[in-house]
Amino acid sequence: MTPTPSEPLDHAVRVDVEPSFRLDESAPDDQRYVFSYTVTVHNHSGHSVQLLARYWKITQGSGKVQEVRGKGVVGQQPMIGPGQTFRYTSRAILDGPVGVMEGAYTCVETASQRPFDVAIAPFRLAGPNQVH
């Protein structure tokens, strides 16, 4: 799926997220619910891209919203070649058993230095037996 010259690169870079509740690190009695999430960034374009920055919006079941911005991911600003993927795992700590995360990555197409954002669709964080 190589984009045509008029197609934006954000359609050629896809982000998949797999969340998981971490019972071993959580302490529900202390309102501490730990979730890991594994992110896979797929570069379906014909160009190398570099992931420069991240933005996350974390909405807890209580309605509390936290926004996180920073350079790269897990201490890296990875270069992702044409047809390649980059995968990492990180964590989020909530004060309740349910939440939602969504966000965006700011990337740059390395040859032209053209920046673009890739939206990350909302995904649910839920402890066991949660039906929200």
Protein backbone atom coordinates (compact mmCIF):
# COMPACT_ATOMS: atom_id res chain seq x y z
CA MET A 1 0.00 0.00 0.00
CA THR A 2 2.38 2.69 -1.18
CA PRO A 3 0.68 6.08 -1.17
CA THR A 4 0.38 8.08 -4.33
CA PRO A 5 2.23 11.43 -4.24
CA SER A 6 -0.98 13.22 -3.26
CA GLU A 7 -1.90 10.70 -0.52
CA PRO A 8 -0.79 11.76 2.96
CA LEU A 9 1.75 9.54 4.72
CA ASP A 10 -0.44 9.33 7.82
CA HIS A 11 -2.64 6.88 5.86
CA ALA A 12 0.39 4.69 5.08
CA VAL A 13 1.58 4.44 8.70
CA ARG A 14 -0.67 2.37 10.95
CA VAL A 15 -0.57 1.89 14.71
CA ASP A 16 -1.98 -1.20 16.44
CA VAL A 17 -2.25 -1.45 20.23
CA GLU A 18 -2.74 -4.53 22.41
CA PRO A 19 -3.52 -3.62 26.06
CA SER A 20 -3.23 -6.04 28.99
CA PHE A 21 -4.13 -5.77 32.68
CA ARG A 22 -1.14 -6.45 35.00
CA LEU A 23 -2.60 -8.04 38.11
CA ASP A 24 0.91 -8.83 39.41
CA GLU A 25 1.77 -5.09 39.51
CA SER A 26 -1.63 -3.77 40.56
CA ALA A 27 -2.87 -3.05 44.08
CA PRO A 28 -6.66 -2.56 43.89
CA ASP A 29 -6.87 -1.86 47.65
CA ASP A 30 -4.61 1.15 47.00
CA GLN A 31 -6.49 2.18 43.84
CA ARG A 32 -3.52 1.23 41.67
CA TYR A 33 -4.36 -0.55 38.41
CA VAL A 34 -1.44 -1.21 36.08
CA PHE A 35 -1.90 -1.87 32.38
CA SER A 36 0.74 -2.70 29.82
CA TYR A 37 0.18 -1.95 26.17
CA THR A 38 2.15 -3.23 23.23
CA VAL A 39 2.27 -0.87 20.27
CA THR A 40 3.17 -1.91 16.74
CA VAL A 41 3.87 0.83 14.21
CA HIS A 42 3.58 -0.40 10.60
CA ASN A 43 5.19 1.63 7.82
CA HIS A 44 3.34 0.70 4.63
CA SER A 45 4.82 3.63 2.69
CA GLY A 46 7.69 3.56 0.26
CA HIS A 47 9.67 5.98 2.47
CA SER A 48 11.54 5.74 5.75
CA VAL A 49 9.85 7.55 8.61
CA GLN A 50 11.08 8.52 12.05
CA LEU A 51 8.83 8.65 15.10
CA LEU A 52 9.75 11.91 16.83
CA ALA A 53 7.14 12.51 19.54
CA ARG A 54 4.12 11.04 21.28
CA TYR A 55 0.87 12.36 22.67
CA TRP A 56 -1.44 10.26 24.87
CA LYS A 57 -4.79 11.18 26.35
CA ILE A 58 -5.72 8.84 29.19
CA THR A 59 -9.30 9.02 30.42
CA GLN A 60 -9.93 7.11 33.62
CA GLY A 61 -13.26 5.58 34.58
CA SER A 62 -13.65 8.34 37.15
CA GLY A 63 -13.58 10.91 34.33
CA LYS A 64 -10.11 12.18 35.27
CA VAL A 65 -8.07 13.00 32.14
CA GLN A 66 -4.30 12.95 31.92
CA GLU A 67 -2.32 14.11 28.88
CA VAL A 68 1.21 12.90 28.24
CA ARG A 69 3.56 14.43 25.68
CA GLY A 70 7.19 13.65 25.06
CA LYS A 71 9.99 12.89 22.65
CA GLY A 72 9.84 9.51 20.98
CA VAL A 73 8.72 6.35 22.74
CA VAL A 74 10.48 4.29 25.44
CA GLY A 75 13.55 6.53 25.18
CA GLN A 76 13.86 6.12 21.41
CA GLN A 77 13.04 8.03 18.26
CA PRO A 78 12.97 4.98 15.99
CA MET A 79 13.58 5.02 12.26
CA ILE A 80 11.12 2.71 10.47
CA GLY A 81 12.04 1.71 6.95
CA PRO A 82 9.61 1.05 4.09
CA GLY A 83 7.57 -2.07 4.84
CA GLN A 84 9.03 -2.38 8.35
CA THR A 85 7.46 -2.35 11.80
CA PHE A 86 8.55 -1.08 15.19
CA ARG A 87 7.15 -2.65 18.38
CA TYR A 88 7.46 -1.64 22.02
CA THR A 89 5.66 -2.18 25.31
CA SER A 90 4.91 0.48 27.91
CA ARG A 91 2.64 0.93 30.94
CA ALA A 92 -0.13 3.13 32.25
CA ILE A 93 -1.23 3.32 35.89
CA LEU A 94 -4.86 4.17 36.62
CA ASP A 95 -6.73 4.80 39.86
CA GLY A 96 -9.58 2.54 38.79
CA PRO A 97 -10.08 -0.69 36.84
CA VAL A 98 -11.32 0.96 33.62
CA GLY A 99 -9.99 3.62 31.26
CA VAL A 100 -9.46 4.62 27.66
CA MET A 101 -6.28 5.77 25.91
CA GLU A 102 -5.92 7.49 22.57
CA GLY A 103 -3.31 9.70 21.02
CA ALA A 104 -1.02 10.49 18.13
CA TYR A 105 2.57 10.14 17.03
CA THR A 106 4.42 12.93 15.28
CA CYS A 107 6.61 11.47 12.56
CA VAL A 108 8.78 12.80 9.80
CA GLU A 109 9.34 11.40 6.31
CA THR A 110 13.12 11.32 6.39
CA ALA A 111 13.96 12.14 2.75
CA SER A 112 11.82 15.31 2.58
CA GLN A 113 11.84 16.08 6.34
CA ARG A 114 8.07 16.53 6.00
CA PRO A 115 6.36 16.09 9.40
CA PHE A 116 2.99 14.38 9.79
CA ASP A 117 0.83 13.05 12.60
CA VAL A 118 -0.54 9.53 12.90
CA ALA A 119 -3.70 9.20 14.98
CA ILE A 120 -3.95 6.35 17.48
CA ALA A 121 -7.55 5.19 17.81
CA PRO A 122 -9.04 4.93 21.31
CA PHE A 123 -8.46 1.61 23.03
CA ARG A 124 -9.94 0.29 26.25
CA LEU A 125 -8.04 -0.52 29.43
CA ALA A 126 -10.07 -2.85 31.63
CA GLY A 127 -9.26 -5.09 34.56
CA PRO A 128 -10.81 -8.53 34.86
CA ASN A 129 -14.61 -8.76 35.04
CA GLN A 130 -15.09 -5.15 33.91
CA VAL A 131 -17.93 -4.62 31.44
CA HIS A 132 -17.76 -0.83 30.86
